[in-house]
Amino acid sequence: MPWCGGCERWWAPNAATRDGRCPACGRRLDRRVTAGSHRPARTGPGGGAGPEDDVGFPWHLKLLAAAVAVYLVWRVVQLIAWAAR
């Protein structure tokens, strides 16, 4: 999906001009983008993604996973107490 850095927006592949420029501002569109990213892909000195592109899990996903783990542990404790009766 072509990305225009000047307009900061995505363009449909067929929306670009014939020479691959942005229809709004005329800058060259960058077709190298990372999946799910809102900016062009950057490469580090070794050709791979730079450390600024390493994205961890969001804090609310970690919180949700911890809450699910606590809930499941509690349910296992309840199951053991029920089976011991």
N, C-alpha and C. Protein backbone atom coordinates (compact mmCIF):
# COMPACT_ATOMS: atom_id res chain seq x y z
N MET A 1 0.85 -1.16 0.00
CA MET A 1 0.00 0.00 0.00
C MET A 1 0.90 1.23 0.00
N PRO A 2 0.81 2.10 -0.97
CA PRO A 2 1.68 3.28 -1.04
C PRO A 2 1.39 4.28 0.09
N TRP A 3 2.46 4.82 0.64
CA TRP A 3 2.39 5.77 1.74
C TRP A 3 3.01 7.09 1.31
N CYS A 4 2.33 8.19 1.59
CA CYS A 4 2.87 9.52 1.30
C CYS A 4 3.30 10.15 2.61
N GLY A 5 4.60 10.42 2.74
CA GLY A 5 5.11 11.04 3.96
C GLY A 5 4.70 12.49 4.10
N GLY A 6 4.53 13.19 3.00
CA GLY A 6 4.13 14.59 3.05
C GLY A 6 2.69 14.76 3.53
N CYS A 7 1.80 13.95 2.98
CA CYS A 7 0.38 14.00 3.37
C CYS A 7 0.08 13.17 4.61
N GLU A 8 1.00 12.25 4.93
CA GLU A 8 0.84 11.30 6.02
C GLU A 8 -0.46 10.53 5.87
N ARG A 9 -0.61 9.89 4.71
CA ARG A 9 -1.80 9.07 4.49
C ARG A 9 -1.50 7.98 3.47
N TRP A 10 -2.32 6.96 3.52
CA TRP A 10 -2.22 5.85 2.59
C TRP A 10 -2.95 6.21 1.31
N TRP A 11 -2.48 5.66 0.22
CA TRP A 11 -3.15 5.85 -1.07
C TRP A 11 -3.38 4.48 -1.68
N ALA A 12 -4.48 4.33 -2.39
CA ALA A 12 -4.71 3.09 -3.14
C ALA A 12 -3.67 3.01 -4.25
N PRO A 13 -3.21 1.81 -4.60
CA PRO A 13 -2.18 1.70 -5.63
C PRO A 13 -2.58 2.36 -6.95
N ASN A 14 -3.84 2.33 -7.29
CA ASN A 14 -4.24 2.92 -8.56
C ASN A 14 -4.54 4.42 -8.44
N ALA A 15 -4.42 5.01 -7.24
CA ALA A 15 -4.66 6.44 -7.06
C ALA A 15 -3.41 7.26 -7.39
N ALA A 16 -2.25 6.62 -7.40
CA ALA A 16 -1.00 7.33 -7.69
C ALA A 16 -0.96 7.75 -9.16
N THR A 17 -0.16 8.77 -9.43
CA THR A 17 0.02 9.20 -10.81
C THR A 17 0.82 8.13 -11.56
N ARG A 18 0.95 8.29 -12.85
CA ARG A 18 1.64 7.28 -13.66
C ARG A 18 3.10 7.10 -13.26
N ASP A 19 3.72 8.16 -12.78
CA ASP A 19 5.13 8.05 -12.38
C ASP A 19 5.29 7.73 -10.89
N GLY A 20 4.21 7.34 -10.19
CA GLY A 20 4.28 6.90 -8.80
C GLY A 20 4.33 8.03 -7.79
N ARG A 21 3.71 9.14 -8.13
CA ARG A 21 3.70 10.28 -7.21
C ARG A 21 2.33 10.45 -6.56
N CYS A 22 2.33 11.17 -5.43
CA CYS A 22 1.11 11.43 -4.67
C CYS A 22 0.20 12.35 -5.49
N PRO A 23 -1.10 12.02 -5.58
CA PRO A 23 -1.99 12.89 -6.34
C PRO A 23 -2.26 14.22 -5.64
N ALA A 24 -2.03 14.31 -4.33
CA ALA A 24 -2.32 15.55 -3.61
C ALA A 24 -1.13 16.50 -3.58
N CYS A 25 0.06 15.99 -3.22
CA CYS A 25 1.20 16.89 -3.04
C CYS A 25 2.29 16.70 -4.10
N GLY A 26 2.27 15.62 -4.84
CA GLY A 26 3.24 15.39 -5.90
C GLY A 26 4.53 14.73 -5.47
N ARG A 27 4.66 14.36 -4.19
CA ARG A 27 5.87 13.67 -3.75
C ARG A 27 5.84 12.21 -4.18
N ARG A 28 7.02 11.60 -4.24
CA ARG A 28 7.10 10.19 -4.60
C ARG A 28 6.53 9.35 -3.46
N LEU A 29 5.66 8.38 -3.80
CA LEU A 29 5.06 7.50 -2.80
C LEU A 29 6.04 6.41 -2.42
N ASP A 30 6.07 6.08 -1.13
CA ASP A 30 6.94 5.02 -0.62
C ASP A 30 6.12 3.74 -0.53
N ARG A 31 6.55 2.72 -1.23
CA ARG A 31 5.82 1.46 -1.24
C ARG A 31 6.39 0.45 -0.23
N ARG A 32 7.48 0.81 0.45
CA ARG A 32 8.07 -0.07 1.45
C ARG A 32 7.47 0.26 2.81
N VAL A 33 6.48 -0.47 3.22
CA VAL A 33 5.84 -0.22 4.51
C VAL A 33 5.79 -1.52 5.29
N THR A 34 5.78 -1.39 6.61
CA THR A 34 5.65 -2.58 7.44
C THR A 34 4.19 -2.92 7.60
N ALA A 35 3.90 -4.18 7.79
CA ALA A 35 2.51 -4.63 7.94
C ALA A 35 1.92 -4.02 9.20
N GLY A 36 0.76 -3.41 9.07
CA GLY A 36 0.06 -2.83 10.20
C GLY A 36 0.66 -1.54 10.71
N SER A 37 1.59 -0.98 10.00
CA SER A 37 2.23 0.25 10.43
C SER A 37 1.58 1.44 9.76
N HIS A 38 1.75 2.61 10.35
CA HIS A 38 1.22 3.82 9.75
C HIS A 38 2.34 4.68 9.17
N ARG A 39 3.55 4.13 9.10
CA ARG A 39 4.65 4.90 8.55
C ARG A 39 5.51 3.99 7.68
N PRO A 40 6.35 4.55 6.83
CA PRO A 40 7.19 3.73 5.97
C PRO A 40 8.16 2.89 6.78
N ALA A 41 8.56 1.77 6.21
CA ALA A 41 9.51 0.89 6.87
C ALA A 41 10.87 1.55 6.92
N ARG A 42 11.56 1.40 8.04
CA ARG A 42 12.92 1.91 8.17
C ARG A 42 13.85 0.73 8.32
N THR A 43 15.00 0.83 7.78
CA THR A 43 15.97 -0.25 7.91
C THR A 43 17.17 0.24 8.68
N GLY A 44 17.75 -0.65 9.46
CA GLY A 44 18.93 -0.32 10.23
C GLY A 44 20.18 -0.47 9.39
N PRO A 45 21.36 -0.32 10.02
CA PRO A 45 22.60 -0.40 9.27
C PRO A 45 22.84 -1.77 8.64
N GLY A 46 22.34 -2.83 9.27
CA GLY A 46 22.53 -4.17 8.74
C GLY A 46 21.48 -4.57 7.73
N GLY A 47 20.58 -3.68 7.39
CA GLY A 47 19.53 -3.99 6.43
C GLY A 47 18.24 -4.44 7.08
N GLY A 48 18.27 -4.78 8.37
CA GLY A 48 17.06 -5.22 9.06
C GLY A 48 16.35 -4.05 9.69
N ALA A 49 15.27 -4.34 10.36
CA ALA A 49 14.50 -3.30 11.04
C ALA A 49 15.32 -2.74 12.19
N GLY A 50 15.24 -1.45 12.41
CA GLY A 50 15.96 -0.81 13.50
C GLY A 50 15.30 -1.09 14.83
N PRO A 51 15.99 -0.79 15.94
CA PRO A 51 15.42 -1.07 17.26
C PRO A 51 14.18 -0.23 17.55
N GLU A 52 14.02 0.91 16.88
CA GLU A 52 12.83 1.72 17.12
C GLU A 52 11.58 1.07 16.54
N ASP A 53 11.73 0.07 15.67
CA ASP A 53 10.59 -0.61 15.09
C ASP A 53 10.14 -1.81 15.93
N ASP A 54 10.93 -2.17 16.95
CA ASP A 54 10.53 -3.28 17.82
C ASP A 54 9.42 -2.80 18.73
N VAL A 55 8.27 -3.40 18.58
CA VAL A 55 7.11 -2.99 19.37
C VAL A 55 6.68 -4.15 20.24
N GLY A 56 6.54 -3.91 21.55
CA GLY A 56 6.10 -4.96 22.46
C GLY A 56 4.59 -5.00 22.55
N PHE A 57 4.11 -5.83 23.46
CA PHE A 57 2.67 -5.92 23.67
C PHE A 57 2.19 -4.67 24.39
N PRO A 58 0.98 -4.20 24.09
CA PRO A 58 0.43 -3.04 24.81
C PRO A 58 0.17 -3.41 26.27
N TRP A 59 0.21 -2.40 27.14
CA TRP A 59 0.04 -2.66 28.57
C TRP A 59 -1.32 -3.25 28.89
N HIS A 60 -2.36 -2.83 28.17
CA HIS A 60 -3.69 -3.34 28.49
C HIS A 60 -3.85 -4.80 28.07
N LEU A 61 -3.08 -5.25 27.07
CA LEU A 61 -3.11 -6.66 26.71
C LEU A 61 -2.41 -7.50 27.79
N LYS A 62 -1.33 -6.97 28.33
CA LYS A 62 -0.64 -7.65 29.44
C LYS A 62 -1.55 -7.74 30.67
N LEU A 63 -2.26 -6.65 30.95
CA LEU A 63 -3.18 -6.64 32.09
C LEU A 63 -4.30 -7.65 31.89
N LEU A 64 -4.84 -7.72 30.68
CA LEU A 64 -5.90 -8.68 30.38
C LEU A 64 -5.39 -10.12 30.53
N ALA A 65 -4.18 -10.39 30.04
CA ALA A 65 -3.60 -11.74 30.16
C ALA A 65 -3.39 -12.11 31.63
N ALA A 66 -2.92 -11.16 32.43
CA ALA A 66 -2.73 -11.43 33.86
C ALA A 66 -4.06 -11.70 34.55
N ALA A 67 -5.09 -10.93 34.21
CA ALA A 67 -6.41 -11.14 34.82
C ALA A 67 -6.98 -12.49 34.43
N VAL A 68 -6.81 -12.90 33.19
CA VAL A 68 -7.29 -14.21 32.75
C VAL A 68 -6.54 -15.32 33.47
N ALA A 69 -5.22 -15.15 33.64
CA ALA A 69 -4.43 -16.16 34.35
C ALA A 69 -4.89 -16.29 35.80
N VAL A 70 -5.12 -15.17 36.48
CA VAL A 70 -5.59 -15.22 37.87
C VAL A 70 -6.97 -15.88 37.94
N TYR A 71 -7.85 -15.55 37.02
CA TYR A 71 -9.18 -16.15 36.99
C TYR A 71 -9.09 -17.66 36.80
N LEU A 72 -8.25 -18.11 35.86
CA LEU A 72 -8.14 -19.55 35.61
C LEU A 72 -7.54 -20.29 36.79
N VAL A 73 -6.56 -19.68 37.46
CA VAL A 73 -5.99 -20.30 38.66
C VAL A 73 -7.06 -20.43 39.73
N TRP A 74 -7.87 -19.39 39.91
CA TRP A 74 -8.95 -19.45 40.90
C TRP A 74 -9.95 -20.54 40.56
N ARG A 75 -10.29 -20.68 39.30
CA ARG A 75 -11.24 -21.73 38.90
C ARG A 75 -10.66 -23.13 39.14
N VAL A 76 -9.36 -23.29 38.94
CA VAL A 76 -8.73 -24.59 39.22
C VAL A 76 -8.77 -24.88 40.72
N VAL A 77 -8.54 -23.87 41.53
CA VAL A 77 -8.63 -24.04 42.99
C VAL A 77 -10.05 -24.44 43.38
N GLN A 78 -11.04 -23.80 42.78
CA GLN A 78 -12.43 -24.17 43.06
C GLN A 78 -12.72 -25.59 42.61
N LEU A 79 -12.19 -26.01 41.47
CA LEU A 79 -12.40 -27.37 40.98
C LEU A 79 -11.80 -28.40 41.93
N ILE A 80 -10.59 -28.11 42.42
CA ILE A 80 -9.94 -29.03 43.36
C ILE A 80 -10.74 -29.10 44.65
N ALA A 81 -11.23 -27.96 45.14
CA ALA A 81 -12.03 -27.97 46.37
C ALA A 81 -13.34 -28.72 46.16
N TRP A 82 -13.96 -28.60 45.01
CA TRP A 82 -15.18 -29.31 44.71
C TRP A 82 -14.95 -30.82 44.61
N ALA A 83 -13.84 -31.20 43.98
CA ALA A 83 -13.53 -32.63 43.82
C ALA A 83 -13.13 -33.26 45.15
N ALA A 84 -12.58 -32.50 46.08
CA ALA A 84 -12.16 -33.04 47.36
C ALA A 84 -13.33 -33.31 48.31
N ARG A 85 -14.51 -32.81 48.01
CA ARG A 85 -15.66 -33.02 48.88
C ARG A 85 -16.10 -34.42 48.86
